[in-house]
Amino acid sequence: MPEAKLTWKEGVAFEVEVGGHTMFIDHDPKGGPGRGPAPMALWLVSLAGCTGMDVVYILQRKRLQVDAFEVHIEGKRKEGKHPRIYETVDIRFTIRGPEIPEKAVLQAMRLSRDTYCSVSAMTTGPTIRHLYRIEDPEGNVVAEGELE
C-alpha cells in the first residue's frame, strides 16, 4: 500500500517522503519560499505521468519505434470561490519516430483514458482532453488532433 509522510517545514511548505524519495511541496500566493510545486500542480504531474506511461508502454508493446515522447499538461482552474478545481485539463502527447500510425496512438490514448490510468479514473470534475502530435525523426509534424 503506498504511503507518504509529510513534515511541515515553514509557511505552508512540507517535506514529502514517498516511495524512498524526498521532495518538497509548497504553495504561498504571497511569494513564500517556493520550496516545491503546489499540490494542484502535482495532481497535473500525476495525471500526465500516469497516462504518459500507459501510452508509451502500449506503443512499445506494438513494437513501434518511439525515438522521443513528451507529455505536456495544462489545467485551467475555476476562479473565485473555493474549492478552485480544474475546469479543463489539456494533455498533449508528442510522439517522435518513424512510421507511427495515428490509429495506434489513438488506441493507446483511448486505452489509457478508459481502462488503465488510475489517476484519470479518480477524476470526476474537469473535462480532460487528450491531444496528440506525431513527428517524423526530423521533427516534422505527421499528424495531430484530439481523441474523441
Protein backbone atom coordinates (compact mmCIF):
# COMPACT_ATOMS: atom_id res chain seq x y z
CA MET A 1 0.00 0.00 0.00
CA PRO A 2 1.50 3.38 -0.97
CA GLU A 3 2.39 5.62 1.93
CA ALA A 4 3.72 9.14 2.21
CA LYS A 5 4.99 11.16 5.15
CA LEU A 6 4.71 14.95 5.02
CA THR A 7 6.64 17.04 7.53
CA TRP A 8 5.79 20.72 7.89
CA LYS A 9 8.85 22.97 7.48
CA GLU A 10 7.70 26.63 7.27
CA GLY A 11 4.81 28.69 5.95
CA VAL A 12 2.87 26.04 4.06
CA ALA A 13 5.96 24.13 2.86
CA PHE A 14 6.17 20.40 3.58
CA GLU A 15 8.95 17.89 3.07
CA VAL A 16 7.48 14.78 1.45
CA GLU A 17 8.87 11.27 1.78
CA VAL A 18 7.24 8.82 -0.60
CA GLY A 19 8.49 5.58 -2.09
CA GLY A 20 12.05 6.19 -0.93
CA HIS A 21 12.12 9.68 -2.48
CA THR A 22 12.19 13.07 -0.83
CA MET A 23 10.73 16.26 -2.29
CA PHE A 24 9.01 19.43 -1.19
CA ILE A 25 5.53 20.78 -1.79
CA ASP A 26 4.67 24.40 -1.16
CA HIS A 27 2.10 26.99 -2.02
CA ASP A 28 2.24 30.56 -0.92
CA PRO A 29 0.32 33.01 -3.10
CA LYS A 30 2.22 35.87 -1.41
CA GLY A 31 5.56 34.67 -2.80
CA GLY A 32 6.80 32.50 0.02
CA PRO A 33 9.87 30.30 -0.02
CA GLY A 34 8.80 28.33 -3.08
CA ARG A 35 10.44 25.11 -1.93
CA GLY A 36 8.45 22.96 -4.32
CA PRO A 37 5.40 22.66 -6.55
CA ALA A 38 1.87 23.16 -5.21
CA PRO A 39 -0.38 20.13 -4.64
CA MET A 40 -2.66 21.01 -7.58
CA ALA A 41 0.37 21.17 -9.89
CA LEU A 42 1.42 17.75 -8.62
CA TRP A 43 -2.03 16.41 -9.48
CA LEU A 44 -1.38 17.50 -13.07
CA VAL A 45 2.04 15.81 -12.95
CA SER A 46 0.45 12.62 -11.61
CA LEU A 47 -2.17 12.56 -14.36
CA ALA A 48 0.38 13.29 -17.09
CA GLY A 49 2.78 10.68 -15.72
CA CYS A 50 0.12 8.00 -15.41
CA THR A 51 -1.31 8.41 -18.89
CA GLY A 52 2.12 9.05 -20.44
CA MET A 53 3.47 5.79 -19.03
CA ASP A 54 0.44 3.94 -20.39
CA VAL A 55 0.65 5.42 -23.88
CA VAL A 56 4.40 4.91 -24.39
CA TYR A 57 4.21 1.38 -22.98
CA ILE A 58 1.32 0.44 -25.29
CA LEU A 59 3.16 1.85 -28.33
CA GLN A 60 6.29 -0.11 -27.37
CA ARG A 61 4.22 -3.29 -26.96
CA LYS A 62 3.01 -2.73 -30.53
CA ARG A 63 6.72 -2.85 -31.47
CA LEU A 64 6.69 0.73 -32.74
CA GLN A 65 9.96 2.65 -32.63
CA VAL A 66 9.47 5.61 -30.32
CA ASP A 67 12.51 7.90 -30.53
CA ALA A 68 11.12 10.66 -28.30
CA PHE A 69 7.96 11.07 -26.24
CA GLU A 70 6.72 14.12 -24.35
CA VAL A 71 3.59 14.87 -22.39
CA HIS A 72 2.56 18.49 -21.85
CA ILE A 73 -0.34 19.12 -19.48
CA GLU A 74 -2.14 22.35 -18.71
CA GLY A 75 -5.08 22.92 -16.39
CA LYS A 76 -7.47 25.85 -16.13
CA ARG A 77 -8.76 26.34 -12.60
CA LYS A 78 -12.11 27.73 -11.53
CA GLU A 79 -11.92 31.37 -10.48
CA GLY A 80 -13.34 32.77 -7.27
CA LYS A 81 -14.98 30.55 -4.69
CA HIS A 82 -13.19 27.52 -3.26
CA PRO A 83 -12.56 24.73 -3.97
CA ARG A 84 -10.75 26.00 -7.08
CA ILE A 85 -10.77 22.76 -9.02
CA TYR A 86 -9.59 22.36 -12.59
CA GLU A 87 -12.43 23.07 -15.01
CA THR A 88 -10.49 21.84 -18.02
CA VAL A 89 -7.28 19.93 -18.47
CA ASP A 90 -5.45 19.54 -21.78
CA ILE A 91 -2.99 16.67 -22.15
CA ARG A 92 -0.84 16.86 -25.29
CA PHE A 93 1.32 13.92 -26.34
CA THR A 94 4.16 14.46 -28.81
CA ILE A 95 5.49 11.20 -30.20
CA ARG A 96 8.51 11.10 -32.49
CA GLY A 97 9.54 8.09 -34.52
CA PRO A 98 9.42 6.54 -37.96
CA GLU A 99 6.10 5.25 -39.25
CA ILE A 100 3.99 5.67 -36.14
CA PRO A 101 0.37 5.10 -37.22
CA GLU A 102 -2.16 7.64 -35.97
CA LYS A 103 -4.55 4.73 -35.33
CA ALA A 104 -2.06 3.18 -32.88
CA VAL A 105 -1.62 6.46 -30.99
CA LEU A 106 -5.38 6.96 -30.72
CA GLN A 107 -5.87 3.40 -29.49
CA ALA A 108 -3.13 3.80 -26.86
CA MET A 109 -4.62 7.10 -25.68
CA ARG A 110 -8.10 5.58 -25.52
CA LEU A 111 -6.90 2.53 -23.55
CA SER A 112 -5.13 4.79 -21.08
CA ARG A 113 -8.09 7.13 -20.67
CA ASP A 114 -10.80 4.46 -20.48
CA THR A 115 -9.06 1.49 -18.84
CA TYR A 116 -5.56 1.85 -17.41
CA CYS A 117 -4.87 5.30 -15.95
CA SER A 118 -5.88 5.13 -12.29
CA VAL A 119 -5.24 8.84 -11.74
CA SER A 120 -7.69 9.68 -14.52
CA ALA A 121 -10.24 7.23 -13.09
CA MET A 122 -10.11 9.13 -9.78
CA THR A 123 -11.32 12.26 -11.54
CA THR A 124 -14.94 13.30 -11.86
CA GLY A 125 -14.78 17.09 -12.16
CA PRO A 126 -12.75 18.52 -15.03
CA THR A 127 -13.14 17.95 -18.73
CA ILE A 128 -9.90 16.24 -19.73
CA ARG A 129 -8.92 16.49 -23.39
CA HIS A 130 -6.33 14.13 -24.85
CA LEU A 131 -4.39 15.79 -27.67
CA TYR A 132 -1.56 14.34 -29.74
CA ARG A 133 1.14 15.20 -32.24
CA ILE A 134 3.16 12.65 -34.21
CA GLU A 135 6.51 13.76 -35.65
CA ASP A 136 8.90 12.04 -38.02
CA PRO A 137 12.55 11.60 -36.98
CA GLU A 138 13.39 15.13 -38.19
CA GLY A 139 10.63 16.71 -36.08
CA ASN A 140 8.16 17.37 -38.91
CA VAL A 141 4.53 17.03 -37.87
CA VAL A 142 2.95 13.95 -39.45
CA ALA A 143 -0.42 14.11 -37.71
CA GLU A 144 -2.09 15.88 -34.81
CA GLY A 145 -5.53 16.02 -33.31
CA GLU A 146 -7.71 15.16 -30.35
CA LEU A 147 -9.03 11.84 -29.10
CA GLU A 148 -12.81 11.84 -29.31
